[in-house]
Amino acid sequence: QVQLVDSGGGLVQPGGSLRLSCAASGSIFSFVVMGWYRQAPGKQRELVAAITRGGSRNYTDLVKGRFTISRDNAKNTVYLQMNSLQPEDTAIYYCYADRQLATTLRYWGQGTQVTVSS
């Protein structure tokens, strides 16, 4: 059973930084892509960033230049470094991982709250 554990959220002032972590119960090399979605109150869940097994990265335009996704295969962990945070970044952030078998299986973390406020 795959488990993803999100952590690192919290309250930060505008312009501040946070680093989210997503720890997998097994080797992350088995996942073709991992990343983060976020969901703000009253809004749909949106993709924030993703990283493939080969290391290719993808970001929504809203966070380009401010957020960086990375992975540490030795620690089975994916990180999201978030800089220059703004109130509109406030949301619950969910880690996800896709495993490609006959179909694509998607796994989710439990979510971690990020609040940007003065």
PDB file of N, CA and C in Angstrom:
ATOM      1  N   GLN A   1       0.846  -1.178   0.000  1.00  0.00           N
ATOM      2  CA  GLN A   1       0.000   0.000   0.000  1.00  0.00           C
ATOM      3  C   GLN A   1       0.892   1.243   0.000  1.00  0.00           C
ATOM      4  N   VAL A   2       0.665   2.112  -0.974  1.00  0.00           N
ATOM      5  CA  VAL A   2       1.449   3.328  -1.074  1.00  0.00           C
ATOM      6  C   VAL A   2       0.892   4.381  -0.126  1.00  0.00           C
ATOM      7  N   GLN A   3       1.772   5.023   0.603  1.00  0.00           N
ATOM      8  CA  GLN A   3       1.379   6.146   1.453  1.00  0.00           C
ATOM      9  C   GLN A   3       2.251   7.348   1.138  1.00  0.00           C
ATOM     10  N   LEU A   4       1.598   8.494   1.028  1.00  0.00           N
ATOM     11  CA  LEU A   4       2.292   9.759   0.844  1.00  0.00           C
ATOM     12  C   LEU A   4       1.964  10.638   2.046  1.00  0.00           C
ATOM     13  N   VAL A   5       2.964  11.185   2.673  1.00  0.00           N
ATOM     14  CA  VAL A   5       2.767  12.027   3.850  1.00  0.00           C
ATOM     15  C   VAL A   5       3.285  13.427   3.545  1.00  0.00           C
ATOM     16  N   ASP A   6       2.329  14.379   3.517  1.00  0.00           N
ATOM     17  CA  ASP A   6       2.671  15.784   3.289  1.00  0.00           C
ATOM     18  C   ASP A   6       3.034  16.435   4.614  1.00  0.00           C
ATOM     19  N   SER A   7       3.969  17.372   4.552  1.00  0.00           N
ATOM     20  CA  SER A   7       4.287  18.158   5.742  1.00  0.00           C
ATOM     21  C   SER A   7       4.938  19.471   5.322  1.00  0.00           C
ATOM     22  N   GLY A   8       5.075  20.377   6.298  1.00  0.00           N
ATOM     23  CA  GLY A   8       5.792  21.620   6.043  1.00  0.00           C
ATOM     24  C   GLY A   8       4.941  22.851   5.912  1.00  0.00           C
ATOM     25  N   GLY A   9       3.632  22.699   5.917  1.00  0.00           N
ATOM     26  CA  GLY A   9       2.763  23.858   5.818  1.00  0.00           C
ATOM     27  C   GLY A   9       2.791  24.690   7.081  1.00  0.00           C
ATOM     28  N   GLY A  10       2.129  25.843   7.031  1.00  0.00           N
ATOM     29  CA  GLY A  10       2.074  26.709   8.194  1.00  0.00           C
ATOM     30  C   GLY A  10       1.615  28.091   7.823  1.00  0.00           C
ATOM     31  N   LEU A  11       1.772  28.993   8.785  1.00  0.00           N
ATOM     32  CA  LEU A  11       1.407  30.399   8.613  1.00  0.00           C
ATOM     33  C   LEU A  11       2.672  31.197   8.335  1.00  0.00           C
ATOM     34  N   VAL A  12       2.641  32.001   7.288  1.00  0.00           N
ATOM     35  CA  VAL A  12       3.801  32.801   6.933  1.00  0.00           C
ATOM     36  C   VAL A  12       3.319  34.161   6.447  1.00  0.00           C
ATOM     37  N   GLN A  13       4.148  35.171   6.642  1.00  0.00           N
ATOM     38  CA  GLN A  13       3.804  36.512   6.179  1.00  0.00           C
ATOM     39  C   GLN A  13       4.068  36.644   4.679  1.00  0.00           C
ATOM     40  N   PRO A  14       3.370  37.570   4.022  1.00  0.00           N
ATOM     41  CA  PRO A  14       3.646  37.806   2.600  1.00  0.00           C
ATOM     42  C   PRO A  14       5.127  38.082   2.373  1.00  0.00           C
ATOM     43  N   GLY A  15       5.664  37.453   1.317  1.00  0.00           N
ATOM     44  CA  GLY A  15       7.082  37.565   1.027  1.00  0.00           C
ATOM     45  C   GLY A  15       7.932  36.494   1.667  1.00  0.00           C
ATOM     46  N   GLY A  16       7.328  35.706   2.544  1.00  0.00           N
ATOM     47  CA  GLY A  16       8.063  34.664   3.234  1.00  0.00           C
ATOM     48  C   GLY A  16       8.203  33.387   2.420  1.00  0.00           C
ATOM     49  N   SER A  17       8.798  32.384   3.062  1.00  0.00           N
ATOM     50  CA  SER A  17       9.079  31.115   2.391  1.00  0.00           C
ATOM     51  C   SER A  17       8.644  29.930   3.251  1.00  0.00           C
ATOM     52  N   LEU A  18       8.336  28.857   2.573  1.00  0.00           N
ATOM     53  CA  LEU A  18       8.063  27.575   3.206  1.00  0.00           C
ATOM     54  C   LEU A  18       8.597  26.478   2.300  1.00  0.00           C
ATOM     55  N   ARG A  19       8.926  25.342   2.898  1.00  0.00           N
ATOM     56  CA  ARG A  19       9.290  24.184   2.110  1.00  0.00           C
ATOM     57  C   ARG A  19       8.379  23.024   2.493  1.00  0.00           C
ATOM     58  N   LEU A  20       7.647  22.532   1.510  1.00  0.00           N
ATOM     59  CA  LEU A  20       6.780  21.372   1.729  1.00  0.00           C
ATOM     60  C   LEU A  20       7.548  20.097   1.393  1.00  0.00           C
ATOM     61  N   SER A  21       7.224  19.047   2.125  1.00  0.00           N
ATOM     62  CA  SER A  21       7.824  17.743   1.880  1.00  0.00           C
ATOM     63  C   SER A  21       6.733  16.718   1.632  1.00  0.00           C
ATOM     64  N   CYS A  22       7.022  15.766   0.780  1.00  0.00           N
ATOM     65  CA  CYS A  22       6.115  14.648   0.510  1.00  0.00           C
ATOM     66  C   CYS A  22       6.948  13.370   0.599  1.00  0.00           C
ATOM     67  N   ALA A  23       6.749  12.646   1.673  1.00  0.00           N
ATOM     68  CA  ALA A  23       7.512  11.429   1.902  1.00  0.00           C
ATOM     69  C   ALA A  23       6.688  10.218   1.491  1.00  0.00           C
ATOM     70  N   ALA A  24       7.267   9.378   0.644  1.00  0.00           N
ATOM     71  CA  ALA A  24       6.582   8.179   0.171  1.00  0.00           C
ATOM     72  C   ALA A  24       7.007   6.969   1.007  1.00  0.00           C
ATOM     73  N   SER A  25       6.099   5.997   1.105  1.00  0.00           N
ATOM     74  CA  SER A  25       6.382   4.807   1.908  1.00  0.00           C
ATOM     75  C   SER A  25       7.342   3.860   1.214  1.00  0.00           C
ATOM     76  N   GLY A  26       7.514   4.019  -0.095  1.00  0.00           N
ATOM     77  CA  GLY A  26       8.440   3.175  -0.817  1.00  0.00           C
ATOM     78  C   GLY A  26       9.278   3.996  -1.762  1.00  0.00           C
ATOM     79  N   SER A  27       9.952   3.333  -2.654  1.00  0.00           N
ATOM     80  CA  SER A  27      10.820   4.030  -3.596  1.00  0.00           C
ATOM     81  C   SER A  27      10.012   4.921  -4.527  1.00  0.00           C
ATOM     82  N   ILE A  28      10.420   6.193  -4.622  1.00  0.00           N
ATOM     83  CA  ILE A  28       9.700   7.101  -5.520  1.00  0.00           C
ATOM     84  C   ILE A  28      10.087   6.862  -6.965  1.00  0.00           C
ATOM     85  N   PHE A  29      11.082   6.027  -7.176  1.00  0.00           N
ATOM     86  CA  PHE A  29      11.483   5.749  -8.547  1.00  0.00           C
ATOM     87  C   PHE A  29      10.400   4.979  -9.300  1.00  0.00           C
ATOM     88  N   SER A  30       9.460   4.385  -8.549  1.00  0.00           N
ATOM     89  CA  SER A  30       8.372   3.640  -9.185  1.00  0.00           C
ATOM     90  C   SER A  30       7.286   4.558  -9.740  1.00  0.00           C
ATOM     91  N   PHE A  31       7.380   5.849  -9.409  1.00  0.00           N
ATOM     92  CA  PHE A  31       6.376   6.797  -9.871  1.00  0.00           C
ATOM     93  C   PHE A  31       6.881   7.537 -11.101  1.00  0.00           C
ATOM     94  N   VAL A  32       6.059   7.610 -12.124  1.00  0.00           N
ATOM     95  CA  VAL A  32       6.478   8.283 -13.352  1.00  0.00           C
ATOM     96  C   VAL A  32       6.473   9.800 -13.167  1.00  0.00           C
ATOM     97  N   VAL A  33       5.614  10.281 -12.304  1.00  0.00           N
ATOM     98  CA  VAL A  33       5.567  11.705 -12.027  1.00  0.00           C
ATOM     99  C   VAL A  33       5.041  11.913 -10.609  1.00  0.00           C
ATOM    100  N   MET A  34       5.563  12.931  -9.958  1.00  0.00           N
ATOM    101  CA  MET A  34       5.077  13.357  -8.646  1.00  0.00           C
ATOM    102  C   MET A  34       4.925  14.866  -8.673  1.00  0.00           C
ATOM    103  N   GLY A  35       4.062  15.354  -7.794  1.00  0.00           N
ATOM    104  CA  GLY A  35       3.889  16.800  -7.793  1.00  0.00           C
ATOM    105  C   GLY A  35       2.962  17.263  -6.700  1.00  0.00           C
ATOM    106  N   TRP A  36       2.500  18.509  -6.884  1.00  0.00           N
ATOM    107  CA  TRP A  36       1.646  19.142  -5.894  1.00  0.00           C
ATOM    108  C   TRP A  36       0.451  19.821  -6.577  1.00  0.00           C
ATOM    109  N   TYR A  37      -0.703  19.619  -5.990  1.00  0.00           N
ATOM    110  CA  TYR A  37      -1.889  20.394  -6.303  1.00  0.00           C
ATOM    111  C   TYR A  37      -2.184  21.273  -5.088  1.00  0.00           C
ATOM    112  N   ARG A  38      -3.018  22.254  -5.310  1.00  0.00           N
ATOM    113  CA  ARG A  38      -3.515  23.037  -4.187  1.00  0.00           C
ATOM    114  C   ARG A  38      -4.983  23.356  -4.398  1.00  0.00           C
ATOM    115  N   GLN A  39      -5.659  23.565  -3.276  1.00  0.00           N
ATOM    116  CA  GLN A  39      -7.077  23.909  -3.328  1.00  0.00           C
ATOM    117  C   GLN A  39      -7.367  24.992  -2.300  1.00  0.00           C
ATOM    118  N   ALA A  40      -7.801  26.133  -2.810  1.00  0.00           N
ATOM    119  CA  ALA A  40      -8.192  27.245  -1.946  1.00  0.00           C
ATOM    120  C   ALA A  40      -9.687  27.150  -1.664  1.00  0.00           C
ATOM    121  N   PRO A  41     -10.151  27.756  -0.566  1.00  0.00           N
ATOM    122  CA  PRO A  41     -11.579  27.700  -0.234  1.00  0.00           C
ATOM    123  C   PRO A  41     -12.441  28.198  -1.391  1.00  0.00           C
ATOM    124  N   GLY A  42     -13.431  27.398  -1.766  1.00  0.00           N
ATOM    125  CA  GLY A  42     -14.350  27.793  -2.813  1.00  0.00           C
ATOM    126  C   GLY A  42     -13.817  27.660  -4.214  1.00  0.00           C
ATOM    127  N   LYS A  43     -12.615  27.113  -4.362  1.00  0.00           N
ATOM    128  CA  LYS A  43     -12.011  26.983  -5.693  1.00  0.00           C
ATOM    129  C   LYS A  43     -11.707  25.528  -6.004  1.00  0.00           C
ATOM    130  N   GLN A  44     -11.523  25.261  -7.288  1.00  0.00           N
ATOM    131  CA  GLN A  44     -11.167  23.911  -7.698  1.00  0.00           C
ATOM    132  C   GLN A  44      -9.702  23.633  -7.405  1.00  0.00           C
ATOM    133  N   ARG A  45      -9.401  22.367  -7.264  1.00  0.00           N
ATOM    134  CA  ARG A  45      -8.011  21.966  -7.068  1.00  0.00           C
ATOM    135  C   ARG A  45      -7.237  22.257  -8.350  1.00  0.00           C
ATOM    136  N   GLU A  46      -6.049  22.826  -8.217  1.00  0.00           N
ATOM    137  CA  GLU A  46      -5.240  23.171  -9.390  1.00  0.00           C
ATOM    138  C   GLU A  46      -3.832  22.612  -9.245  1.00  0.00           C
ATOM    139  N   LEU A  47      -3.257  22.247 -10.381  1.00  0.00           N
ATOM    140  CA  LEU A  47      -1.894  21.741 -10.387  1.00  0.00           C
ATOM    141  C   LEU A  47      -0.927  22.894 -10.161  1.00  0.00           C
ATOM    142  N   VAL A  48       0.022  22.693  -9.266  1.00  0.00           N
ATOM    143  CA  VAL A  48       1.015  23.713  -8.948  1.00  0.00           C
ATOM    144  C   VAL A  48       2.348  23.396  -9.623  1.00  0.00           C
ATOM    145  N   ALA A  49       2.837  22.182  -9.412  1.00  0.00           N
ATOM    146  CA  ALA A  49       4.136  21.806  -9.955  1.00  0.00           C
ATOM    147  C   ALA A  49       4.211  20.289 -10.035  1.00  0.00           C
ATOM    148  N   ALA A  50       5.050  19.815 -10.964  1.00  0.00           N
ATOM    149  CA  ALA A  50       5.236  18.383 -11.119  1.00  0.00           C
ATOM    150  C   ALA A  50       6.667  18.115 -11.561  1.00  0.00           C
ATOM    151  N   ILE A  51       7.144  16.919 -11.223  1.00  0.00           N
ATOM    152  CA  ILE A  51       8.480  16.504 -11.632  1.00  0.00           C
ATOM    153  C   ILE A  51       8.410  15.047 -12.068  1.00  0.00           C
ATOM    154  N   THR A  52       9.003  14.754 -13.218  1.00  0.00           N
ATOM    155  CA  THR A  52       8.973  13.391 -13.718  1.00  0.00           C
ATOM    156  C   THR A  52      10.109  12.563 -13.133  1.00  0.00           C
ATOM    157  N   ARG A  53      10.035  11.276 -13.382  1.00  0.00           N
ATOM    158  CA  ARG A  53      11.086  10.386 -12.915  1.00  0.00           C
ATOM    159  C   ARG A  53      12.428  10.795 -13.496  1.00  0.00           C
ATOM    160  N   GLY A  54      12.406  11.337 -14.718  1.00  0.00           N
ATOM    161  CA  GLY A  54      13.631  11.767 -15.368  1.00  0.00           C
ATOM    162  C   GLY A  54      14.106  13.138 -14.936  1.00  0.00           C
ATOM    163  N   GLY A  55      13.297  13.831 -14.109  1.00  0.00           N
ATOM    164  CA  GLY A  55      13.722  15.121 -13.593  1.00  0.00           C
ATOM    165  C   GLY A  55      13.152  16.323 -14.308  1.00  0.00           C
ATOM    166  N   SER A  56      12.306  16.126 -15.300  1.00  0.00           N
ATOM    167  CA  SER A  56      11.678  17.267 -15.974  1.00  0.00           C
ATOM    168  C   SER A  56      10.659  17.905 -15.043  1.00  0.00           C
ATOM    169  N   ARG A  57      10.648  19.240 -15.053  1.00  0.00           N
ATOM    170  CA  ARG A  57       9.770  19.981 -14.154  1.00  0.00           C
ATOM    171  C   ARG A  57       8.731  20.786 -14.919  1.00  0.00           C
ATOM    172  N   ASN A  58       7.583  20.972 -14.288  1.00  0.00           N
ATOM    173  CA  ASN A  58       6.504  21.740 -14.891  1.00  0.00           C
ATOM    174  C   ASN A  58       5.842  22.555 -13.790  1.00  0.00           C
ATOM    175  N   TYR A  59       5.542  23.825 -14.095  1.00  0.00           N
ATOM    176  CA  TYR A  59       4.924  24.714 -13.111  1.00  0.00           C
ATOM    177  C   TYR A  59       3.743  25.446 -13.726  1.00  0.00           C
ATOM    178  N   THR A  60       2.749  25.734 -12.906  1.00  0.00           N
ATOM    179  CA  THR A  60       1.724  26.658 -13.350  1.00  0.00           C
ATOM    180  C   THR A  60       2.344  28.050 -13.430  1.00  0.00           C
ATOM    181  N   ASP A  61       1.839  28.847 -14.379  1.00  0.00           N
ATOM    182  CA  ASP A  61       2.386  30.193 -14.557  1.00  0.00           C
ATOM    183  C   ASP A  61       2.307  31.013 -13.276  1.00  0.00           C
ATOM    184  N   LEU A  62       1.339  30.696 -12.420  1.00  0.00           N
ATOM    185  CA  LEU A  62       1.129  31.479 -11.205  1.00  0.00           C
ATOM    186  C   LEU A  62       2.306  31.389 -10.232  1.00  0.00           C
ATOM    187  N   VAL A  63       3.121  30.347 -10.348  1.00  0.00           N
ATOM    188  CA  VAL A  63       4.198  30.164  -9.370  1.00  0.00           C
ATOM    189  C   VAL A  63       5.581  30.141 -10.000  1.00  0.00           C
ATOM    190  N   LYS A  64       5.657  30.249 -11.319  1.00  0.00           N
ATOM    191  CA  LYS A  64       6.959  30.207 -11.983  1.00  0.00           C
ATOM    192  C   LYS A  64       7.863  31.311 -11.460  1.00  0.00           C
ATOM    193  N   GLY A  65       9.090  30.940 -11.176  1.00  0.00           N
ATOM    194  CA  GLY A  65      10.048  31.895 -10.652  1.00  0.00           C
ATOM    195  C   GLY A  65      10.009  32.046  -9.152  1.00  0.00           C
ATOM    196  N   ARG A  66       8.984  31.491  -8.518  1.00  0.00           N
ATOM    197  CA  ARG A  66       8.860  31.583  -7.055  1.00  0.00           C
ATOM    198  C   ARG A  66       8.948  30.217  -6.381  1.00  0.00           C
ATOM    199  N   PHE A  67       8.420  29.197  -7.021  1.00  0.00           N
ATOM    200  CA  PHE A  67       8.396  27.848  -6.455  1.00  0.00           C
ATOM    201  C   PHE A  67       9.377  26.958  -7.204  1.00  0.00           C
ATOM    202  N   THR A  68       9.964  26.013  -6.484  1.00  0.00           N
ATOM    203  CA  THR A  68      10.869  25.036  -7.084  1.00  0.00           C
ATOM    204  C   THR A  68      10.541  23.650  -6.551  1.00  0.00           C
ATOM    205  N   ILE A  69      10.317  22.734  -7.466  1.00  0.00           N
ATOM    206  CA  ILE A  69      10.064  21.341  -7.073  1.00  0.00           C
ATOM    207  C   ILE A  69      11.340  20.538  -7.275  1.00  0.00           C
ATOM    208  N   SER A  70      11.594  19.634  -6.339  1.00  0.00           N
ATOM    209  CA  SER A  70      12.784  18.795  -6.435  1.00  0.00           C
ATOM    210  C   SER A  70      12.482  17.435  -5.812  1.00  0.00           C
ATOM    211  N   ARG A  71      13.372  16.498  -6.066  1.00  0.00           N
ATOM    212  CA  ARG A  71      13.173  15.157  -5.512  1.00  0.00           C
ATOM    213  C   ARG A  71      14.489  14.611  -4.999  1.00  0.00           C
ATOM    214  N   ASP A  72      14.402  13.837  -3.925  1.00  0.00           N
ATOM    215  CA  ASP A  72      15.560  13.151  -3.356  1.00  0.00           C
ATOM    216  C   ASP A  72      15.231  11.671  -3.369  1.00  0.00           C
ATOM    217  N   ASN A  73      15.744  10.964  -4.354  1.00  0.00           N
ATOM    218  CA  ASN A  73      15.413   9.543  -4.495  1.00  0.00           C
ATOM    219  C   ASN A  73      15.909   8.731  -3.290  1.00  0.00           C
ATOM    220  N   ALA A  74      17.011   9.128  -2.712  1.00  0.00           N
ATOM    221  CA  ALA A  74      17.564   8.383  -1.577  1.00  0.00           C
ATOM    222  C   ALA A  74      16.647   8.470  -0.358  1.00  0.00           C
ATOM    223  N   LYS A  75      15.934   9.589  -0.241  1.00  0.00           N
ATOM    224  CA  LYS A  75      15.042   9.781   0.905  1.00  0.00           C
ATOM    225  C   LYS A  75      13.583   9.524   0.542  1.00  0.00           C
ATOM    226  N   ASN A  76      13.326   9.136  -0.709  1.00  0.00           N
ATOM    227  CA  ASN A  76      11.949   8.886  -1.167  1.00  0.00           C
ATOM    228  C   ASN A  76      11.046  10.087  -0.884  1.00  0.00           C
ATOM    229  N   THR A  77      11.570  11.262  -1.159  1.00  0.00           N
ATOM    230  CA  THR A  77      10.861  12.489  -0.801  1.00  0.00           C
ATOM    231  C   THR A  77      10.924  13.492  -1.946  1.00  0.00           C
ATOM    232  N   VAL A  78       9.798  14.177  -2.127  1.00  0.00           N
ATOM    233  CA  VAL A  78       9.703  15.283  -3.073  1.00  0.00           C
ATOM    234  C   VAL A  78       9.459  16.554  -2.273  1.00  0.00           C
ATOM    235  N   TYR A  79      10.090  17.624  -2.709  1.00  0.00           N
ATOM    236  CA  TYR A  79       9.993  18.895  -2.001  1.00  0.00           C
ATOM    237  C   TYR A  79       9.392  19.974  -2.901  1.00  0.00           C
ATOM    238  N   LEU A  80       8.746  20.932  -2.257  1.00  0.00           N
ATOM    239  CA  LEU A  80       8.292  22.129  -2.954  1.00  0.00           C
ATOM    240  C   LEU A  80       8.780  23.328  -2.155  1.00  0.00           C
ATOM    241  N   GLN A  81       9.802  23.995  -2.688  1.00  0.00           N
ATOM    242  CA  GLN A  81      10.304  25.203  -2.066  1.00  0.00           C
ATOM    243  C   GLN A  81       9.487  26.379  -2.573  1.00  0.00           C
ATOM    244  N   MET A  82       8.869  27.087  -1.662  1.00  0.00           N
ATOM    245  CA  MET A  82       7.981  28.193  -2.018  1.00  0.00           C
ATOM    246  C   MET A  82       8.553  29.491  -1.463  1.00  0.00           C
ATOM    247  N   ASN A  83       8.923  30.385  -2.359  1.00  0.00           N
ATOM    248  CA  ASN A  83       9.461  31.684  -1.973  1.00  0.00           C
ATOM    249  C   ASN A  83       8.517  32.800  -2.417  1.00  0.00           C
ATOM    250  N   SER A  84       8.720  33.967  -1.862  1.00  0.00           N
ATOM    251  CA  SER A  84       7.906  35.140  -2.208  1.00  0.00           C
ATOM    252  C   SER A  84       6.415  34.814  -2.146  1.00  0.00           C
ATOM    253  N   LEU A  85       6.018  34.186  -1.076  1.00  0.00           N
ATOM    254  CA  LEU A  85       4.621  33.766  -0.938  1.00  0.00           C
ATOM    255  C   LEU A  85       3.694  34.968  -0.829  1.00  0.00           C
ATOM    256  N   GLN A  86       2.522  34.812  -1.425  1.00  0.00           N
ATOM    257  CA  GLN A  86       1.510  35.870  -1.443  1.00  0.00           C
ATOM    258  C   GLN A  86       0.205  35.326  -0.869  1.00  0.00           C
ATOM    259  N   PRO A  87      -0.676  36.197  -0.423  1.00  0.00           N
ATOM    260  CA  PRO A  87      -1.947  35.724   0.136  1.00  0.00           C
ATOM    261  C   PRO A  87      -2.716  34.797  -0.804  1.00  0.00           C
ATOM    262  N   GLU A  88      -2.591  35.013  -2.097  1.00  0.00           N
ATOM    263  CA  GLU A  88      -3.308  34.153  -3.050  1.00  0.00           C
ATOM    264  C   GLU A  88      -2.735  32.746  -3.131  1.00  0.00           C
ATOM    265  N   ASP A  89      -1.602  32.521  -2.486  1.00  0.00           N
ATOM    266  CA  ASP A  89      -1.044  31.159  -2.402  1.00  0.00           C
ATOM    267  C   ASP A  89      -1.668  30.356  -1.267  1.00  0.00           C
ATOM    268  N   THR A  90      -2.494  31.000  -0.476  1.00  0.00           N
ATOM    269  CA  THR A  90      -3.149  30.312   0.633  1.00  0.00           C
ATOM    270  C   THR A  90      -4.044  29.203   0.113  1.00  0.00           C
ATOM    271  N   ALA A  91      -3.820  27.994   0.614  1.00  0.00           N
ATOM    272  CA  ALA A  91      -4.569  26.826   0.149  1.00  0.00           C
ATOM    273  C   ALA A  91      -4.109  25.608   0.935  1.00  0.00           C
ATOM    274  N   ILE A  92      -4.820  24.518   0.731  1.00  0.00           N
ATOM    275  CA  ILE A  92      -4.318  23.223   1.178  1.00  0.00           C
ATOM    276  C   ILE A  92      -3.527  22.636   0.011  1.00  0.00           C
ATOM    277  N   TYR A  93      -2.316  22.225   0.286  1.00  0.00           N
ATOM    278  CA  TYR A  93      -1.440  21.669  -0.743  1.00  0.00           C
ATOM    279  C   TYR A  93      -1.406  20.151  -0.597  1.00  0.00           C
ATOM    280  N   TYR A  94      -1.645  19.482  -1.724  1.00  0.00           N
ATOM    281  CA  TYR A  94      -1.706  18.023  -1.753  1.00  0.00           C
ATOM    282  C   TYR A  94      -0.606  17.469  -2.657  1.00  0.00           C
ATOM    283  N   CYS A  95       0.161  16.570  -2.101  1.00  0.00           N
ATOM    284  CA  CYS A  95       1.140  15.849  -2.899  1.00  0.00           C
ATOM    285  C   CYS A  95       0.428  14.726  -3.657  1.00  0.00           C
ATOM    286  N   TYR A  96       0.917  14.410  -4.856  1.00  0.00           N
ATOM    287  CA  TYR A  96       0.380  13.278  -5.584  1.00  0.00           C
ATOM    288  C   TYR A  96       1.513  12.527  -6.277  1.00  0.00           C
ATOM    289  N   ALA A  97       1.216  11.280  -6.625  1.00  0.00           N
ATOM    290  CA  ALA A  97       2.195  10.456  -7.334  1.00  0.00           C
ATOM    291  C   ALA A  97       1.452   9.525  -8.279  1.00  0.00           C
ATOM    292  N   ASP A  98       1.953   9.416  -9.486  1.00  0.00           N
ATOM    293  CA  ASP A  98       1.345   8.559 -10.503  1.00  0.00           C
ATOM    294  C   ASP A  98       2.236   7.349 -10.775  1.00  0.00           C
ATOM    295  N   ARG A  99       1.595   6.202 -10.730  1.00  0.00           N
ATOM    296  CA  ARG A  99       2.282   4.958 -11.076  1.00  0.00           C
ATOM    297  C   ARG A  99       1.647   4.418 -12.340  1.00  0.00           C
ATOM    298  N   GLN A 100       2.462   4.155 -13.350  1.00  0.00           N
ATOM    299  CA  GLN A 100       1.947   3.707 -14.636  1.00  0.00           C
ATOM    300  C   GLN A 100       1.990   2.194 -14.706  1.00  0.00           C
ATOM    301  N   LEU A 101       0.805   1.575 -14.712  1.00  0.00           N
ATOM    302  CA  LEU A 101       0.698   0.123 -14.912  1.00  0.00           C
ATOM    303  C   LEU A 101      -0.130  -0.053 -16.188  1.00  0.00           C
ATOM    304  N   ALA A 102      -1.087  -0.944 -16.199  1.00  0.00           N
ATOM    305  CA  ALA A 102      -1.977  -1.030 -17.355  1.00  0.00           C
ATOM    306  C   ALA A 102      -2.756   0.275 -17.497  1.00  0.00           C
ATOM    307  N   THR A 103      -3.059   0.875 -16.376  1.00  0.00           N
ATOM    308  CA  THR A 103      -3.644   2.212 -16.320  1.00  0.00           C
ATOM    309  C   THR A 103      -2.797   3.039 -15.365  1.00  0.00           C
ATOM    310  N   THR A 104      -3.122   4.313 -15.289  1.00  0.00           N
ATOM    311  CA  THR A 104      -2.389   5.184 -14.368  1.00  0.00           C
ATOM    312  C   THR A 104      -3.066   5.178 -12.999  1.00  0.00           C
ATOM    313  N   LEU A 105      -2.301   4.832 -11.985  1.00  0.00           N
ATOM    314  CA  LEU A 105      -2.797   4.875 -10.617  1.00  0.00           C
ATOM    315  C   LEU A 105      -2.267   6.140  -9.969  1.00  0.00           C
ATOM    316  N   ARG A 106      -3.161   6.914  -9.375  1.00  0.00           N
ATOM    317  CA  ARG A 106      -2.762   8.156  -8.720  1.00  0.00           C
ATOM    318  C   ARG A 106      -2.960   8.011  -7.213  1.00  0.00           C
ATOM    319  N   TYR A 107      -1.941   8.406  -6.481  1.00  0.00           N
ATOM    320  CA  TYR A 107      -1.974   8.386  -5.029  1.00  0.00           C
ATOM    321  C   TYR A 107      -1.892   9.822  -4.518  1.00  0.00           C
ATOM    322  N   TRP A 108      -2.528  10.057  -3.353  1.00  0.00           N
ATOM    323  CA  TRP A 108      -2.585  11.399  -2.783  1.00  0.00           C
ATOM    324  C   TRP A 108      -2.065  11.415  -1.356  1.00  0.00           C
ATOM    325  N   GLY A 109      -1.433  12.527  -1.008  1.00  0.00           N
ATOM    326  CA  GLY A 109      -1.138  12.792   0.387  1.00  0.00           C
ATOM    327  C   GLY A 109      -2.369  13.350   1.074  1.00  0.00           C
ATOM    328  N   GLN A 110      -2.257  13.549   2.387  1.00  0.00           N
ATOM    329  CA  GLN A 110      -3.417  13.994   3.163  1.00  0.00           C
ATOM    330  C   GLN A 110      -3.620  15.495   3.091  1.00  0.00           C
ATOM    331  N   GLY A 111      -2.623  16.218   2.584  1.00  0.00           N
ATOM    332  CA  GLY A 111      -2.726  17.666   2.471  1.00  0.00           C
ATOM    333  C   GLY A 111      -2.078  18.381   3.638  1.00  0.00           C
ATOM    334  N   THR A 112      -1.546  19.566   3.335  1.00  0.00           N
ATOM    335  CA  THR A 112      -0.960  20.410   4.370  1.00  0.00           C
ATOM    336  C   THR A 112      -1.379  21.852   4.101  1.00  0.00           C
ATOM    337  N   GLN A 113      -1.805  22.533   5.155  1.00  0.00           N
ATOM    338  CA  GLN A 113      -2.353  23.880   5.020  1.00  0.00           C
ATOM    339  C   GLN A 113      -1.230  24.911   4.935  1.00  0.00           C
ATOM    340  N   VAL A 114      -1.326  25.768   3.924  1.00  0.00           N
ATOM    341  CA  VAL A 114      -0.429  26.913   3.798  1.00  0.00           C
ATOM    342  C   VAL A 114      -1.273  28.175   3.883  1.00  0.00           C
ATOM    343  N   THR A 115      -0.949  29.037   4.830  1.00  0.00           N
ATOM    344  CA  THR A 115      -1.672  30.290   5.006  1.00  0.00           C
ATOM    345  C   THR A 115      -0.677  31.442   4.932  1.00  0.00           C
ATOM    346  N   VAL A 116      -0.933  32.370   4.010  1.00  0.00           N
ATOM    347  CA  VAL A 116      -0.074  33.535   3.842  1.00  0.00           C
ATOM    348  C   VAL A 116      -0.869  34.765   4.266  1.00  0.00           C
ATOM    349  N   SER A 117      -0.461  35.347   5.367  1.00  0.00           N
ATOM    350  CA  SER A 117      -1.220  36.461   5.922  1.00  0.00           C
ATOM    351  C   SER A 117      -0.332  37.296   6.828  1.00  0.00           C
ATOM    352  N   SER A 118      -0.609  38.590   6.850  1.00  0.00           N
ATOM    353  CA  SER A 118       0.115  39.470   7.761  1.00  0.00           C
ATOM    354  C   SER A 118      -0.642  39.615   9.075  1.00  0.00           C
TER     355      SER A 118
END
